[in-house]
Amino acid sequence: MKRITYNGEPMITGTAVAQSLVHYVTHVAAVASAVAVEVPVLEPNGTVQAHTLVLSGATQLAVIDVDGLSEEEEGTRFPVPELPPVGGQAYALPPEEIQNDAPFLDDDPLDLAPR
């Protein structure tokens, strides 16, 4: 388990959650927008509640280890939140798929006829 300090407030969550948040914040730095993410946090009474954190390239997180649950129990109680994609993603298509997925690439850009 990890104790994260976010905006001056300490909170305890799972190791995988903390790792994913740190990884996400370090990769958001190149993107100007911020995102809101719901994170499972251990409350003082032992329950787990979702806290909404706003993450951006300016977010500062301090993370330290704390004793707690086994890795399996952590995974059950503290699922890793779904983090929105950062920036765009590009990949190459095999030539045989280009015509199916992007037929406009073979069109004449100067042809103004309706399609």
PDB file of N, CA and C in Angstrom:
ATOM      1  N   MET A   1       0.842  -1.166   0.000  1.00  0.00           N
ATOM      2  CA  MET A   1       0.000   0.000   0.000  1.00  0.00           C
ATOM      3  C   MET A   1       0.891   1.234   0.000  1.00  0.00           C
ATOM      4  N   LYS A   2       0.308   2.342  -0.446  1.00  0.00           N
ATOM      5  CA  LYS A   2       1.065   3.588  -0.549  1.00  0.00           C
ATOM      6  C   LYS A   2       0.285   4.735   0.074  1.00  0.00           C
ATOM      7  N   ARG A   3       1.031   5.655   0.665  1.00  0.00           N
ATOM      8  CA  ARG A   3       0.439   6.908   1.116  1.00  0.00           C
ATOM      9  C   ARG A   3       0.834   7.962   0.091  1.00  0.00           C
ATOM     10  N   ILE A   4      -0.181   8.556  -0.524  1.00  0.00           N
ATOM     11  CA  ILE A   4       0.030   9.616  -1.509  1.00  0.00           C
ATOM     12  C   ILE A   4      -0.308  10.937  -0.836  1.00  0.00           C
ATOM     13  N   THR A   5       0.538  11.924  -1.022  1.00  0.00           N
ATOM     14  CA  THR A   5       0.183  13.270  -0.599  1.00  0.00           C
ATOM     15  C   THR A   5      -0.159  14.036  -1.864  1.00  0.00           C
ATOM     16  N   TYR A   6      -1.415  14.457  -1.932  1.00  0.00           N
ATOM     17  CA  TYR A   6      -1.942  15.176  -3.094  1.00  0.00           C
ATOM     18  C   TYR A   6      -2.507  16.498  -2.592  1.00  0.00           C
ATOM     19  N   ASN A   7      -1.995  17.588  -3.092  1.00  0.00           N
ATOM     20  CA  ASN A   7      -2.483  18.913  -2.692  1.00  0.00           C
ATOM     21  C   ASN A   7      -2.381  19.108  -1.177  1.00  0.00           C
ATOM     22  N   GLY A   8      -1.338  18.548  -0.568  1.00  0.00           N
ATOM     23  CA  GLY A   8      -1.129  18.683   0.864  1.00  0.00           C
ATOM     24  C   GLY A   8      -1.909  17.712   1.727  1.00  0.00           C
ATOM     25  N   GLU A   9      -2.756  16.890   1.114  1.00  0.00           N
ATOM     26  CA  GLU A   9      -3.587  15.949   1.860  1.00  0.00           C
ATOM     27  C   GLU A   9      -3.084  14.521   1.669  1.00  0.00           C
ATOM     28  N   PRO A  10      -2.766  13.820   2.775  1.00  0.00           N
ATOM     29  CA  PRO A  10      -2.345  12.421   2.639  1.00  0.00           C
ATOM     30  C   PRO A  10      -3.545  11.503   2.437  1.00  0.00           C
ATOM     31  N   MET A  11      -3.357  10.476   1.637  1.00  0.00           N
ATOM     32  CA  MET A  11      -4.395   9.459   1.433  1.00  0.00           C
ATOM     33  C   MET A  11      -3.715   8.129   1.166  1.00  0.00           C
ATOM     34  N   ILE A  12      -4.356   7.046   1.595  1.00  0.00           N
ATOM     35  CA  ILE A  12      -3.787   5.712   1.416  1.00  0.00           C
ATOM     36  C   ILE A  12      -4.567   4.985   0.333  1.00  0.00           C
ATOM     37  N   THR A  13      -3.819   4.367  -0.574  1.00  0.00           N
ATOM     38  CA  THR A  13      -4.415   3.611  -1.671  1.00  0.00           C
ATOM     39  C   THR A  13      -3.504   2.430  -1.997  1.00  0.00           C
ATOM     40  N   GLY A  14      -3.874   1.674  -2.995  1.00  0.00           N
ATOM     41  CA  GLY A  14      -3.080   0.516  -3.387  1.00  0.00           C
ATOM     42  C   GLY A  14      -1.810   0.901  -4.137  1.00  0.00           C
ATOM     43  N   THR A  15      -0.841   0.012  -4.111  1.00  0.00           N
ATOM     44  CA  THR A  15       0.435   0.243  -4.794  1.00  0.00           C
ATOM     45  C   THR A  15       0.237   0.443  -6.288  1.00  0.00           C
ATOM     46  N   ALA A  16      -0.571  -0.413  -6.919  1.00  0.00           N
ATOM     47  CA  ALA A  16      -0.788  -0.304  -8.367  1.00  0.00           C
ATOM     48  C   ALA A  16      -1.479   1.008  -8.720  1.00  0.00           C
ATOM     49  N   VAL A  17      -2.399   1.464  -7.864  1.00  0.00           N
ATOM     50  CA  VAL A  17      -3.081   2.743  -8.102  1.00  0.00           C
ATOM     51  C   VAL A  17      -2.065   3.879  -8.047  1.00  0.00           C
ATOM     52  N   ALA A  18      -1.234   3.890  -7.010  1.00  0.00           N
ATOM     53  CA  ALA A  18      -0.224   4.944  -6.863  1.00  0.00           C
ATOM     54  C   ALA A  18       0.741   4.947  -8.044  1.00  0.00           C
ATOM     55  N   GLN A  19       1.185   3.761  -8.453  1.00  0.00           N
ATOM     56  CA  GLN A  19       2.108   3.677  -9.588  1.00  0.00           C
ATOM     57  C   GLN A  19       1.462   4.206 -10.861  1.00  0.00           C
ATOM     58  N   SER A  20       0.194   3.876 -11.078  1.00  0.00           N
ATOM     59  CA  SER A  20      -0.469   4.340 -12.298  1.00  0.00           C
ATOM     60  C   SER A  20      -0.656   5.854 -12.272  1.00  0.00           C
ATOM     61  N   LEU A  21      -0.945   6.429 -11.109  1.00  0.00           N
ATOM     62  CA  LEU A  21      -1.093   7.885 -11.011  1.00  0.00           C
ATOM     63  C   LEU A  21       0.225   8.600 -11.289  1.00  0.00           C
ATOM     64  N   VAL A  22       1.301   8.113 -10.694  1.00  0.00           N
ATOM     65  CA  VAL A  22       2.615   8.727 -10.930  1.00  0.00           C
ATOM     66  C   VAL A  22       2.995   8.610 -12.400  1.00  0.00           C
ATOM     67  N   HIS A  23       2.795   7.446 -12.973  1.00  0.00           N
ATOM     68  CA  HIS A  23       3.106   7.247 -14.392  1.00  0.00           C
ATOM     69  C   HIS A  23       2.275   8.198 -15.248  1.00  0.00           C
ATOM     70  N   TYR A  24       0.999   8.317 -14.948  1.00  0.00           N
ATOM     71  CA  TYR A  24       0.107   9.171 -15.730  1.00  0.00           C
ATOM     72  C   TYR A  24       0.534  10.639 -15.635  1.00  0.00           C
ATOM     73  N   VAL A  25       0.785  11.103 -14.410  1.00  0.00           N
ATOM     74  CA  VAL A  25       1.158  12.512 -14.217  1.00  0.00           C
ATOM     75  C   VAL A  25       2.460  12.838 -14.941  1.00  0.00           C
ATOM     76  N   THR A  26       3.401  11.927 -14.935  1.00  0.00           N
ATOM     77  CA  THR A  26       4.669  12.212 -15.609  1.00  0.00           C
ATOM     78  C   THR A  26       4.522  12.232 -17.119  1.00  0.00           C
ATOM     79  N   HIS A  27       3.473  11.626 -17.644  1.00  0.00           N
ATOM     80  CA  HIS A  27       3.248  11.636 -19.089  1.00  0.00           C
ATOM     81  C   HIS A  27       2.230  12.685 -19.517  1.00  0.00           C
ATOM     82  N   VAL A  28       1.543  13.313 -18.559  1.00  0.00           N
ATOM     83  CA  VAL A  28       0.577  14.366 -18.875  1.00  0.00           C
ATOM     84  C   VAL A  28       1.291  15.701 -19.064  1.00  0.00           C
ATOM     85  N   ALA A  29       2.513  15.815 -18.594  1.00  0.00           N
ATOM     86  CA  ALA A  29       3.225  17.088 -18.608  1.00  0.00           C
ATOM     87  C   ALA A  29       3.265  17.749 -19.982  1.00  0.00           C
ATOM     88  N   ALA A  30       3.296  16.969 -21.039  1.00  0.00           N
ATOM     89  CA  ALA A  30       3.370  17.532 -22.387  1.00  0.00           C
ATOM     90  C   ALA A  30       2.005  17.984 -22.901  1.00  0.00           C
ATOM     91  N   VAL A  31       0.946  17.660 -22.184  1.00  0.00           N
ATOM     92  CA  VAL A  31      -0.414  17.989 -22.615  1.00  0.00           C
ATOM     93  C   VAL A  31      -0.956  19.088 -21.698  1.00  0.00           C
ATOM     94  N   ALA A  32      -1.593  20.078 -22.281  1.00  0.00           N
ATOM     95  CA  ALA A  32      -2.037  21.244 -21.518  1.00  0.00           C
ATOM     96  C   ALA A  32      -3.283  20.997 -20.674  1.00  0.00           C
ATOM     97  N   SER A  33      -4.071  19.998 -20.997  1.00  0.00           N
ATOM     98  CA  SER A  33      -5.346  19.822 -20.300  1.00  0.00           C
ATOM     99  C   SER A  33      -5.195  19.021 -19.008  1.00  0.00           C
ATOM    100  N   ALA A  34      -6.189  19.170 -18.149  1.00  0.00           N
ATOM    101  CA  ALA A  34      -6.246  18.413 -16.902  1.00  0.00           C
ATOM    102  C   ALA A  34      -7.398  17.420 -16.995  1.00  0.00           C
ATOM    103  N   VAL A  35      -7.308  16.355 -16.215  1.00  0.00           N
ATOM    104  CA  VAL A  35      -8.369  15.349 -16.195  1.00  0.00           C
ATOM    105  C   VAL A  35      -8.744  15.054 -14.746  1.00  0.00           C
ATOM    106  N   ALA A  36     -10.006  14.668 -14.538  1.00  0.00           N
ATOM    107  CA  ALA A  36     -10.480  14.251 -13.219  1.00  0.00           C
ATOM    108  C   ALA A  36     -10.536  12.730 -13.199  1.00  0.00           C
ATOM    109  N   VAL A  37      -9.974  12.137 -12.161  1.00  0.00           N
ATOM    110  CA  VAL A  37      -9.904  10.681 -12.041  1.00  0.00           C
ATOM    111  C   VAL A  37     -10.412  10.281 -10.656  1.00  0.00           C
ATOM    112  N   GLU A  38     -11.261   9.259 -10.614  1.00  0.00           N
ATOM    113  CA  GLU A  38     -11.737   8.740  -9.332  1.00  0.00           C
ATOM    114  C   GLU A  38     -10.777   7.663  -8.842  1.00  0.00           C
ATOM    115  N   VAL A  39     -10.283   7.840  -7.629  1.00  0.00           N
ATOM    116  CA  VAL A  39      -9.267   6.961  -7.060  1.00  0.00           C
ATOM    117  C   VAL A  39      -9.809   6.346  -5.767  1.00  0.00           C
ATOM    118  N   PRO A  40      -9.657   5.020  -5.592  1.00  0.00           N
ATOM    119  CA  PRO A  40     -10.089   4.399  -4.336  1.00  0.00           C
ATOM    120  C   PRO A  40      -9.110   4.738  -3.205  1.00  0.00           C
ATOM    121  N   VAL A  41      -9.661   5.233  -2.089  1.00  0.00           N
ATOM    122  CA  VAL A  41      -8.841   5.683  -0.962  1.00  0.00           C
ATOM    123  C   VAL A  41      -9.356   5.038   0.323  1.00  0.00           C
ATOM    124  N   LEU A  42      -8.423   4.582   1.159  1.00  0.00           N
ATOM    125  CA  LEU A  42      -8.766   3.995   2.457  1.00  0.00           C
ATOM    126  C   LEU A  42      -9.097   5.112   3.440  1.00  0.00           C
ATOM    127  N   GLU A  43     -10.305   5.067   3.990  1.00  0.00           N
ATOM    128  CA  GLU A  43     -10.750   6.064   4.965  1.00  0.00           C
ATOM    129  C   GLU A  43     -10.304   5.645   6.366  1.00  0.00           C
ATOM    130  N   PRO A  44     -10.258   6.587   7.323  1.00  0.00           N
ATOM    131  CA  PRO A  44      -9.847   6.249   8.696  1.00  0.00           C
ATOM    132  C   PRO A  44     -10.694   5.150   9.343  1.00  0.00           C
ATOM    133  N   ASN A  45     -11.963   5.009   8.932  1.00  0.00           N
ATOM    134  CA  ASN A  45     -12.827   3.978   9.522  1.00  0.00           C
ATOM    135  C   ASN A  45     -12.666   2.611   8.850  1.00  0.00           C
ATOM    136  N   GLY A  46     -11.739   2.492   7.888  1.00  0.00           N
ATOM    137  CA  GLY A  46     -11.469   1.211   7.237  1.00  0.00           C
ATOM    138  C   GLY A  46     -12.220   0.973   5.945  1.00  0.00           C
ATOM    139  N   THR A  47     -13.150   1.846   5.605  1.00  0.00           N
ATOM    140  CA  THR A  47     -13.869   1.692   4.337  1.00  0.00           C
ATOM    141  C   THR A  47     -13.048   2.293   3.199  1.00  0.00           C
ATOM    142  N   VAL A  48     -13.392   1.910   1.990  1.00  0.00           N
ATOM    143  CA  VAL A  48     -12.734   2.463   0.805  1.00  0.00           C
ATOM    144  C   VAL A  48     -13.751   3.334   0.079  1.00  0.00           C
ATOM    145  N   GLN A  49     -13.381   4.569  -0.161  1.00  0.00           N
ATOM    146  CA  GLN A  49     -14.245   5.528  -0.849  1.00  0.00           C
ATOM    147  C   GLN A  49     -13.514   6.081  -2.064  1.00  0.00           C
ATOM    148  N   ALA A  50     -14.269   6.463  -3.075  1.00  0.00           N
ATOM    149  CA  ALA A  50     -13.680   7.077  -4.270  1.00  0.00           C
ATOM    150  C   ALA A  50     -13.461   8.563  -4.007  1.00  0.00           C
ATOM    151  N   HIS A  51     -12.256   9.024  -4.286  1.00  0.00           N
ATOM    152  CA  HIS A  51     -11.916  10.443  -4.214  1.00  0.00           C
ATOM    153  C   HIS A  51     -11.609  10.901  -5.633  1.00  0.00           C
ATOM    154  N   THR A  52     -12.068  12.081  -6.001  1.00  0.00           N
ATOM    155  CA  THR A  52     -11.790  12.614  -7.327  1.00  0.00           C
ATOM    156  C   THR A  52     -10.551  13.494  -7.252  1.00  0.00           C
ATOM    157  N   LEU A  53      -9.535  13.128  -8.026  1.00  0.00           N
ATOM    158  CA  LEU A  53      -8.308  13.916  -8.112  1.00  0.00           C
ATOM    159  C   LEU A  53      -8.249  14.562  -9.488  1.00  0.00           C
ATOM    160  N   VAL A  54      -7.809  15.801  -9.540  1.00  0.00           N
ATOM    161  CA  VAL A  54      -7.602  16.482 -10.815  1.00  0.00           C
ATOM    162  C   VAL A  54      -6.113  16.379 -11.121  1.00  0.00           C
ATOM    163  N   LEU A  55      -5.797  15.731 -12.240  1.00  0.00           N
ATOM    164  CA  LEU A  55      -4.404  15.493 -12.620  1.00  0.00           C
ATOM    165  C   LEU A  55      -4.034  16.329 -13.834  1.00  0.00           C
ATOM    166  N   SER A  56      -2.847  16.898 -13.791  1.00  0.00           N
ATOM    167  CA  SER A  56      -2.307  17.636 -14.931  1.00  0.00           C
ATOM    168  C   SER A  56      -0.791  17.534 -14.859  1.00  0.00           C
ATOM    169  N   GLY A  57      -0.136  18.169 -15.784  1.00  0.00           N
ATOM    170  CA  GLY A  57       1.321  18.172 -15.770  1.00  0.00           C
ATOM    171  C   GLY A  57       1.884  18.894 -14.556  1.00  0.00           C
ATOM    172  N   ALA A  58       1.084  19.743 -13.913  1.00  0.00           N
ATOM    173  CA  ALA A  58       1.532  20.490 -12.739  1.00  0.00           C
ATOM    174  C   ALA A  58       1.255  19.752 -11.429  1.00  0.00           C
ATOM    175  N   THR A  59       0.578  18.615 -11.486  1.00  0.00           N
ATOM    176  CA  THR A  59       0.245  17.857 -10.278  1.00  0.00           C
ATOM    177  C   THR A  59       1.514  17.351  -9.609  1.00  0.00           C
ATOM    178  N   GLN A  60       1.575  17.527  -8.299  1.00  0.00           N
ATOM    179  CA  GLN A  60       2.700  17.009  -7.529  1.00  0.00           C
ATOM    180  C   GLN A  60       2.183  15.938  -6.580  1.00  0.00           C
ATOM    181  N   LEU A  61       2.794  14.771  -6.647  1.00  0.00           N
ATOM    182  CA  LEU A  61       2.431  13.654  -5.782  1.00  0.00           C
ATOM    183  C   LEU A  61       3.664  13.220  -5.005  1.00  0.00           C
ATOM    184  N   ALA A  62       3.515  13.051  -3.700  1.00  0.00           N
ATOM    185  CA  ALA A  62       4.559  12.439  -2.887  1.00  0.00           C
ATOM    186  C   ALA A  62       4.029  11.065  -2.496  1.00  0.00           C
ATOM    187  N   VAL A  63       4.833  10.028  -2.701  1.00  0.00           N
ATOM    188  CA  VAL A  63       4.377   8.656  -2.473  1.00  0.00           C
ATOM    189  C   VAL A  63       5.366   7.934  -1.561  1.00  0.00           C
ATOM    190  N   ILE A  64       4.838   7.303  -0.496  1.00  0.00           N
ATOM    191  CA  ILE A  64       5.683   6.487   0.376  1.00  0.00           C
ATOM    192  C   ILE A  64       4.974   5.168   0.671  1.00  0.00           C
ATOM    193  N   ASP A  65       5.774   4.148   1.002  1.00  0.00           N
ATOM    194  CA  ASP A  65       5.235   2.833   1.358  1.00  0.00           C
ATOM    195  C   ASP A  65       4.598   2.877   2.744  1.00  0.00           C
ATOM    196  N   VAL A  66       3.518   2.106   2.897  1.00  0.00           N
ATOM    197  CA  VAL A  66       2.916   1.883   4.215  1.00  0.00           C
ATOM    198  C   VAL A  66       2.571   0.405   4.319  1.00  0.00           C
ATOM    199  N   ASP A  67       2.604  -0.112   5.537  1.00  0.00           N
ATOM    200  CA  ASP A  67       2.222  -1.507   5.742  1.00  0.00           C
ATOM    201  C   ASP A  67       0.719  -1.643   5.575  1.00  0.00           C
ATOM    202  N   GLY A  68       0.307  -2.817   5.144  1.00  0.00           N
ATOM    203  CA  GLY A  68      -1.128  -2.991   4.983  1.00  0.00           C
ATOM    204  C   GLY A  68      -1.489  -4.356   4.468  1.00  0.00           C
ATOM    205  N   LEU A  69      -2.182  -4.376   3.367  1.00  0.00           N
ATOM    206  CA  LEU A  69      -2.761  -5.590   2.816  1.00  0.00           C
ATOM    207  C   LEU A  69      -1.789  -6.340   1.916  1.00  0.00           C
ATOM    208  N   SER A  70      -2.128  -7.595   1.647  1.00  0.00           N
ATOM    209  CA  SER A  70      -1.363  -8.362   0.668  1.00  0.00           C
ATOM    210  C   SER A  70      -1.640  -7.787  -0.712  1.00  0.00           C
ATOM    211  N   GLU A  71      -0.802  -8.129  -1.665  1.00  0.00           N
ATOM    212  CA  GLU A  71      -0.966  -7.629  -3.033  1.00  0.00           C
ATOM    213  C   GLU A  71      -2.328  -8.023  -3.603  1.00  0.00           C
ATOM    214  N   GLU A  72      -2.764  -9.245  -3.316  1.00  0.00           N
ATOM    215  CA  GLU A  72      -4.060  -9.722  -3.824  1.00  0.00           C
ATOM    216  C   GLU A  72      -5.217  -8.931  -3.208  1.00  0.00           C
ATOM    217  N   GLU A  73      -5.146  -8.707  -1.887  1.00  0.00           N
ATOM    218  CA  GLU A  73      -6.198  -7.933  -1.219  1.00  0.00           C
ATOM    219  C   GLU A  73      -6.216  -6.492  -1.723  1.00  0.00           C
ATOM    220  N   GLU A  74      -5.030  -5.931  -1.953  1.00  0.00           N
ATOM    221  CA  GLU A  74      -4.944  -4.569  -2.490  1.00  0.00           C
ATOM    222  C   GLU A  74      -5.653  -4.469  -3.829  1.00  0.00           C
ATOM    223  N   GLY A  75      -5.391  -5.438  -4.707  1.00  0.00           N
ATOM    224  CA  GLY A  75      -5.999  -5.426  -6.031  1.00  0.00           C
ATOM    225  C   GLY A  75      -7.511  -5.473  -5.981  1.00  0.00           C
ATOM    226  N   THR A  76      -8.044  -6.169  -4.985  1.00  0.00           N
ATOM    227  CA  THR A  76      -9.495  -6.271  -4.833  1.00  0.00           C
ATOM    228  C   THR A  76     -10.091  -4.983  -4.264  1.00  0.00           C
ATOM    229  N   ARG A  77      -9.453  -4.444  -3.240  1.00  0.00           N
ATOM    230  CA  ARG A  77     -10.000  -3.251  -2.569  1.00  0.00           C
ATOM    231  C   ARG A  77      -9.670  -1.949  -3.280  1.00  0.00           C
ATOM    232  N   PHE A  78      -8.548  -1.932  -4.018  1.00  0.00           N
ATOM    233  CA  PHE A  78      -8.103  -0.701  -4.670  1.00  0.00           C
ATOM    234  C   PHE A  78      -7.879  -0.940  -6.160  1.00  0.00           C
ATOM    235  N   PRO A  79      -8.956  -1.070  -6.938  1.00  0.00           N
ATOM    236  CA  PRO A  79      -8.764  -1.283  -8.378  1.00  0.00           C
ATOM    237  C   PRO A  79      -8.134  -0.045  -9.023  1.00  0.00           C
ATOM    238  N   VAL A  80      -7.285  -0.280  -9.998  1.00  0.00           N
ATOM    239  CA  VAL A  80      -6.633   0.828 -10.707  1.00  0.00           C
ATOM    240  C   VAL A  80      -7.697   1.576 -11.506  1.00  0.00           C
ATOM    241  N   PRO A  81      -7.768   2.902 -11.345  1.00  0.00           N
ATOM    242  CA  PRO A  81      -8.785   3.662 -12.078  1.00  0.00           C
ATOM    243  C   PRO A  81      -8.498   3.684 -13.570  1.00  0.00           C
ATOM    244  N   GLU A  82      -9.553   3.871 -14.341  1.00  0.00           N
ATOM    245  CA  GLU A  82      -9.384   4.006 -15.784  1.00  0.00           C
ATOM    246  C   GLU A  82      -8.924   5.431 -16.054  1.00  0.00           C
ATOM    247  N   LEU A  83      -7.748   5.552 -16.625  1.00  0.00           N
ATOM    248  CA  LEU A  83      -7.182   6.865 -16.905  1.00  0.00           C
ATOM    249  C   LEU A  83      -7.397   7.211 -18.371  1.00  0.00           C
ATOM    250  N   PRO A  84      -7.859   8.426 -18.656  1.00  0.00           N
ATOM    251  CA  PRO A  84      -8.096   8.801 -20.054  1.00  0.00           C
ATOM    252  C   PRO A  84      -6.798   8.799 -20.850  1.00  0.00           C
ATOM    253  N   PRO A  85      -6.868   8.525 -22.155  1.00  0.00           N
ATOM    254  CA  PRO A  85      -5.652   8.553 -22.966  1.00  0.00           C
ATOM    255  C   PRO A  85      -5.062   9.957 -23.008  1.00  0.00           C
ATOM    256  N   VAL A  86      -3.755  10.012 -23.095  1.00  0.00           N
ATOM    257  CA  VAL A  86      -3.042  11.284 -23.169  1.00  0.00           C
ATOM    258  C   VAL A  86      -2.576  11.489 -24.594  1.00  0.00           C
ATOM    259  N   GLY A  87      -2.937  12.619 -25.192  1.00  0.00           N
ATOM    260  CA  GLY A  87      -2.495  12.914 -26.555  1.00  0.00           C
ATOM    261  C   GLY A  87      -3.102  11.955 -27.555  1.00  0.00           C
ATOM    262  N   GLY A  88      -2.637  12.023 -28.762  1.00  0.00           N
ATOM    263  CA  GLY A  88      -3.125  11.135 -29.812  1.00  0.00           C
ATOM    264  C   GLY A  88      -2.241   9.917 -29.958  1.00  0.00           C
ATOM    265  N   GLN A  89      -2.767   8.943 -30.625  1.00  0.00           N
ATOM    266  CA  GLN A  89      -1.990   7.745 -30.898  1.00  0.00           C
ATOM    267  C   GLN A  89      -2.012   7.500 -32.391  1.00  0.00           C
ATOM    268  N   ALA A  90      -0.892   7.129 -32.927  1.00  0.00           N
ATOM    269  CA  ALA A  90      -0.800   6.846 -34.356  1.00  0.00           C
ATOM    270  C   ALA A  90      -0.167   5.474 -34.539  1.00  0.00           C
ATOM    271  N   TYR A  91      -0.589   4.801 -35.574  1.00  0.00           N
ATOM    272  CA  TYR A  91      -0.004   3.509 -35.892  1.00  0.00           C
ATOM    273  C   TYR A  91      -0.154   3.282 -37.386  1.00  0.00           C
ATOM    274  N   ALA A  92       0.698   2.444 -37.914  1.00  0.00           N
ATOM    275  CA  ALA A  92       0.678   2.153 -39.350  1.00  0.00           C
ATOM    276  C   ALA A  92      -0.342   1.058 -39.642  1.00  0.00           C
ATOM    277  N   LEU A  93      -1.034   1.216 -40.759  1.00  0.00           N
ATOM    278  CA  LEU A  93      -1.962   0.185 -41.222  1.00  0.00           C
ATOM    279  C   LEU A  93      -1.289  -0.644 -42.299  1.00  0.00           C
ATOM    280  N   PRO A  94      -1.562  -1.938 -42.334  1.00  0.00           N
ATOM    281  CA  PRO A  94      -1.073  -2.737 -43.455  1.00  0.00           C
ATOM    282  C   PRO A  94      -1.730  -2.218 -44.740  1.00  0.00           C
ATOM    283  N   PRO A  95      -1.023  -2.237 -45.862  1.00  0.00           N
ATOM    284  CA  PRO A  95      -1.567  -1.686 -47.111  1.00  0.00           C
ATOM    285  C   PRO A  95      -2.948  -2.224 -47.472  1.00  0.00           C
ATOM    286  N   GLU A  96      -3.203  -3.506 -47.205  1.00  0.00           N
ATOM    287  CA  GLU A  96      -4.498  -4.078 -47.580  1.00  0.00           C
ATOM    288  C   GLU A  96      -5.654  -3.506 -46.751  1.00  0.00           C
ATOM    289  N   GLU A  97      -5.355  -2.932 -45.582  1.00  0.00           N
ATOM    290  CA  GLU A  97      -6.407  -2.366 -44.747  1.00  0.00           C
ATOM    291  C   GLU A  97      -6.655  -0.887 -45.022  1.00  0.00           C
ATOM    292  N   ILE A  98      -5.713  -0.231 -45.669  1.00  0.00           N
ATOM    293  CA  ILE A  98      -5.855   1.208 -45.889  1.00  0.00           C
ATOM    294  C   ILE A  98      -7.099   1.517 -46.709  1.00  0.00           C
ATOM    295  N   GLN A  99      -7.328   0.786 -47.785  1.00  0.00           N
ATOM    296  CA  GLN A  99      -8.481   1.058 -48.636  1.00  0.00           C
ATOM    297  C   GLN A  99      -9.793   0.854 -47.880  1.00  0.00           C
ATOM    298  N   ASN A 100      -9.838  -0.135 -46.986  1.00  0.00           N
ATOM    299  CA  ASN A 100     -11.060  -0.380 -46.206  1.00  0.00           C
ATOM    300  C   ASN A 100     -11.263   0.660 -45.107  1.00  0.00           C
ATOM    301  N   ASP A 101     -10.197   0.976 -44.381  1.00  0.00           N
ATOM    302  CA  ASP A 101     -10.314   1.861 -43.225  1.00  0.00           C
ATOM    303  C   ASP A 101     -10.194   3.342 -43.564  1.00  0.00           C
ATOM    304  N   ALA A 102      -9.495   3.663 -44.620  1.00  0.00           N
ATOM    305  CA  ALA A 102      -9.277   5.068 -44.983  1.00  0.00           C
ATOM    306  C   ALA A 102      -9.325   5.241 -46.498  1.00  0.00           C
ATOM    307  N   PRO A 103     -10.479   4.967 -47.118  1.00  0.00           N
ATOM    308  CA  PRO A 103     -10.556   5.028 -48.581  1.00  0.00           C
ATOM    309  C   PRO A 103     -10.313   6.426 -49.138  1.00  0.00           C
ATOM    310  N   PHE A 104     -10.540   7.450 -48.332  1.00  0.00           N
ATOM    311  CA  PHE A 104     -10.356   8.820 -48.799  1.00  0.00           C
ATOM    312  C   PHE A 104      -8.897   9.146 -49.113  1.00  0.00           C
ATOM    313  N   LEU A 105      -7.960   8.328 -48.646  1.00  0.00           N
ATOM    314  CA  LEU A 105      -6.549   8.612 -48.905  1.00  0.00           C
ATOM    315  C   LEU A 105      -6.191   8.482 -50.380  1.00  0.00           C
ATOM    316  N   ASP A 106      -6.963   7.711 -51.127  1.00  0.00           N
ATOM    317  CA  ASP A 106      -6.698   7.565 -52.557  1.00  0.00           C
ATOM    318  C   ASP A 106      -7.486   8.567 -53.393  1.00  0.00           C
ATOM    319  N   ASP A 107      -8.358   9.355 -52.764  1.00  0.00           N
ATOM    320  CA  ASP A 107      -9.172  10.320 -53.504  1.00  0.00           C
ATOM    321  C   ASP A 107      -8.332  11.513 -53.949  1.00  0.00           C
ATOM    322  N   ASP A 108      -8.769  12.119 -55.022  1.00  0.00           N
ATOM    323  CA  ASP A 108      -8.135  13.338 -55.524  1.00  0.00           C
ATOM    324  C   ASP A 108      -8.630  14.503 -54.669  1.00  0.00           C
ATOM    325  N   PRO A 109      -7.751  15.199 -53.945  1.00  0.00           N
ATOM    326  CA  PRO A 109      -8.193  16.278 -53.067  1.00  0.00           C
ATOM    327  C   PRO A 109      -8.792  17.457 -53.829  1.00  0.00           C
ATOM    328  N   LEU A 110      -8.531  17.551 -55.131  1.00  0.00           N
ATOM    329  CA  LEU A 110      -9.077  18.653 -55.923  1.00  0.00           C
ATOM    330  C   LEU A 110     -10.418  18.308 -56.556  1.00  0.00           C
ATOM    331  N   ASP A 111     -10.842  17.056 -56.429  1.00  0.00           N
ATOM    332  CA  ASP A 111     -12.133  16.634 -56.971  1.00  0.00           C
ATOM    333  C   ASP A 111     -13.225  17.046 -55.984  1.00  0.00           C
ATOM    334  N   LEU A 112     -14.060  18.003 -56.369  1.00  0.00           N
ATOM    335  CA  LEU A 112     -15.084  18.532 -55.476  1.00  0.00           C
ATOM    336  C   LEU A 112     -16.444  17.881 -55.672  1.00  0.00           C
ATOM    337  N   ALA A 113     -16.495  16.817 -56.451  1.00  0.00           N
ATOM    338  CA  ALA A 113     -17.760  16.112 -56.682  1.00  0.00           C
ATOM    339  C   ALA A 113     -18.251  15.497 -55.371  1.00  0.00           C
ATOM    340  N   PRO A 114     -19.581  15.495 -55.139  1.00  0.00           N
ATOM    341  CA  PRO A 114     -20.113  14.878 -53.910  1.00  0.00           C
ATOM    342  C   PRO A 114     -19.774  13.391 -53.844  1.00  0.00           C
ATOM    343  N   ARG A 115     -19.603  12.891 -52.652  1.00  0.00           N
ATOM    344  CA  ARG A 115     -19.244  11.478 -52.452  1.00  0.00           C
ATOM    345  C   ARG A 115     -20.340  10.745 -51.774  1.00  0.00           C
TER     346      ARG A 115
END
